[in-house]
C-alpha atoms as a PDB file:
ATOM      1  CA  MET A   1       0.000   0.000   0.000  1.00  0.00           C
ATOM      2  CA  PRO A   2       1.542   3.349  -1.026  1.00  0.00           C
ATOM      3  CA  THR A   3       2.214   5.955   1.634  1.00  0.00           C
ATOM      4  CA  ILE A   4       1.568   9.684   1.449  1.00  0.00           C
ATOM      5  CA  SER A   5       5.288  10.438   1.052  1.00  0.00           C
ATOM      6  CA  GLN A   6       5.339   8.490  -2.203  1.00  0.00           C
ATOM      7  CA  PHE A   7       2.748  10.854  -3.691  1.00  0.00           C
ATOM      8  CA  ILE A   8       4.681  13.999  -2.818  1.00  0.00           C
ATOM      9  CA  THR A   9       7.301  14.871  -5.407  1.00  0.00           C
ATOM     10  CA  ALA A  10      10.682  16.411  -4.669  1.00  0.00           C
ATOM     11  CA  ASN A  11       9.574  19.755  -6.109  1.00  0.00           C
ATOM     12  CA  GLU A  12       6.600  19.888  -3.773  1.00  0.00           C
ATOM     13  CA  ARG A  13       8.848  19.158  -0.812  1.00  0.00           C
ATOM     14  CA  VAL A  14      11.182  21.994  -1.784  1.00  0.00           C
ATOM     15  CA  TYR A  15       8.200  24.325  -2.257  1.00  0.00           C
ATOM     16  CA  TRP A  16       6.644  23.497   1.117  1.00  0.00           C
ATOM     17  CA  GLY A  17      10.011  23.583   2.851  1.00  0.00           C
ATOM     18  CA  GLY A  18      10.698  27.059   1.492  1.00  0.00           C
ATOM     19  CA  PHE A  19       7.188  28.165   2.374  1.00  0.00           C
ATOM     20  CA  PHE A  20       7.544  27.080   6.001  1.00  0.00           C
ATOM     21  CA  ILE A  21      10.984  28.684   6.315  1.00  0.00           C
ATOM     22  CA  ILE A  22       9.689  32.006   4.953  1.00  0.00           C
ATOM     23  CA  PHE A  23       6.529  31.789   7.082  1.00  0.00           C
ATOM     24  CA  GLY A  24       8.513  31.061  10.248  1.00  0.00           C
ATOM     25  CA  SER A  25      11.078  33.762   9.498  1.00  0.00           C
ATOM     26  CA  THR A  26       8.340  36.329   8.944  1.00  0.00           C
ATOM     27  CA  PHE A  27       6.615  35.543  12.222  1.00  0.00           C
ATOM     28  CA  PHE A  28       9.923  35.457  14.091  1.00  0.00           C
ATOM     29  CA  SER A  29      10.828  38.890  12.715  1.00  0.00           C
ATOM     30  CA  ALA A  30       7.415  40.281  13.658  1.00  0.00           C
ATOM     31  CA  PHE A  31       7.695  38.877  17.175  1.00  0.00           C
ATOM     32  CA  LEU A  32      11.248  40.196  17.561  1.00  0.00           C
ATOM     33  CA  TYR A  33      10.052  43.660  16.554  1.00  0.00           C
ATOM     34  CA  THR A  34       7.066  43.462  18.891  1.00  0.00           C
ATOM     35  CA  ALA A  35       8.923  42.138  21.921  1.00  0.00           C
ATOM     36  CA  VAL A  36      12.320  43.837  21.697  1.00  0.00           C
ATOM     37  CA  ILE A  37      12.945  46.382  18.953  1.00  0.00           C
ATOM     38  CA  SER A  38       9.774  48.455  19.403  1.00  0.00           C
ATOM     39  CA  LYS A  39      10.668  49.062  23.069  1.00  0.00           C
ATOM     40  CA  LEU A  40      13.997  50.608  22.065  1.00  0.00           C
ATOM     41  CA  LEU A  41      12.521  53.075  19.555  1.00  0.00           C
ATOM     42  CA  PRO A  42      11.153  56.526  20.468  1.00  0.00           C
ATOM     43  CA  PRO A  43       7.341  56.812  20.832  1.00  0.00           C
ATOM     44  CA  SER A  44       5.544  56.756  17.516  1.00  0.00           C
ATOM     45  CA  ASP A  45       2.636  58.859  16.227  1.00  0.00           C
ATOM     46  CA  ASN A  46       1.103  55.789  14.562  1.00  0.00           C
ATOM     47  CA  ALA A  47      -1.615  54.338  16.819  1.00  0.00           C
ATOM     48  CA  ILE A  48      -0.811  50.685  16.049  1.00  0.00           C
ATOM     49  CA  ILE A  49       2.938  51.049  16.594  1.00  0.00           C
ATOM     50  CA  PHE A  50       2.294  53.082  19.758  1.00  0.00           C
ATOM     51  CA  ALA A  51       0.049  50.289  21.086  1.00  0.00           C
ATOM     52  CA  ILE A  52       2.748  47.714  20.299  1.00  0.00           C
ATOM     53  CA  GLN A  53       5.360  49.829  22.093  1.00  0.00           C
ATOM     54  CA  ASN A  54       3.224  50.104  25.231  1.00  0.00           C
ATOM     55  CA  ASP A  55       2.246  46.431  25.324  1.00  0.00           C
ATOM     56  CA  ARG A  56       4.022  44.348  27.966  1.00  0.00           C
ATOM     57  CA  TYR A  57       2.366  40.979  27.309  1.00  0.00           C
ATOM     58  CA  TYR A  58       4.779  39.679  24.670  1.00  0.00           C
ATOM     59  CA  CYS A  59       7.857  40.813  26.598  1.00  0.00           C
ATOM     60  CA  PHE A  60       6.975  38.296  29.307  1.00  0.00           C
ATOM     61  CA  LEU A  61       5.386  35.601  27.137  1.00  0.00           C
ATOM     62  CA  VAL A  62       8.537  33.941  25.788  1.00  0.00           C
ATOM     63  CA  PRO A  63      10.615  33.985  28.987  1.00  0.00           C
ATOM     64  CA  LEU A  64       7.716  32.455  30.883  1.00  0.00           C
ATOM     65  CA  THR A  65       7.064  29.906  28.135  1.00  0.00           C
ATOM     66  CA  LEU A  66      10.626  28.545  28.108  1.00  0.00           C
ATOM     67  CA  PRO A  67      10.325  26.523  31.380  1.00  0.00           C
ATOM     68  CA  VAL A  68       7.109  24.948  30.098  1.00  0.00           C
ATOM     69  CA  LEU A  69       8.871  24.092  26.842  1.00  0.00           C
ATOM     70  CA  VAL A  70      11.727  22.410  28.723  1.00  0.00           C
ATOM     71  CA  VAL A  71       9.253  20.271  30.683  1.00  0.00           C
ATOM     72  CA  ALA A  72       7.348  19.365  27.501  1.00  0.00           C
ATOM     73  CA  VAL A  73      10.560  18.322  25.706  1.00  0.00           C
ATOM     74  CA  TYR A  74      11.608  16.241  28.709  1.00  0.00           C
ATOM     75  CA  PHE A  75       8.257  14.420  28.778  1.00  0.00           C
ATOM     76  CA  TYR A  76       8.486  13.849  25.032  1.00  0.00           C
ATOM     77  CA  TRP A  77      11.973  12.355  25.461  1.00  0.00           C
ATOM     78  CA  LEU A  78      10.796  10.223  28.385  1.00  0.00           C
ATOM     79  CA  SER A  79       7.801   8.890  26.475  1.00  0.00           C
ATOM     80  CA  MET A  80       9.977   7.980  23.482  1.00  0.00           C
ATOM     81  CA  LYS A  81      12.408   6.133  25.781  1.00  0.00           C
ATOM     82  CA  MET A  82       9.530   4.199  27.333  1.00  0.00           C
ATOM     83  CA  PHE A  83       8.108   3.407  23.895  1.00  0.00           C
ATOM     84  CA  LYS A  84      11.465   2.154  22.558  1.00  0.00           C
ATOM     85  CA  HIS A  85      12.184  -0.053  25.567  1.00  0.00           C
ATOM     86  CA  ALA A  86       8.673  -1.393  26.129  1.00  0.00           C
END
C-alpha cells in the first residue's frame, strides 16, 4: 500500500520547505520587533505602533514559556524512551 510520502514529489517538498521557512522567518521577525525592537525606539505617532510599544504581554510571554517548553521536551523524550524499551 503506497504511503503519502510516495505521492509527494521532490519539487513539492522543496516548495513546502521554502514556504515554512519564509513563514517562520516572517513571524519570528514580527515577534522580535514586537517584543524587543519596538521598546527601544522613540514613541511613535502611529496608533498601532504606539500600542505595540506600550504592550508588555509579549515581553513576558517567551521567557515564561521557556520553562514549560523544557518540561514538555523532557516528557516527550521520556515517552519515546519508554516506547522504545517497552
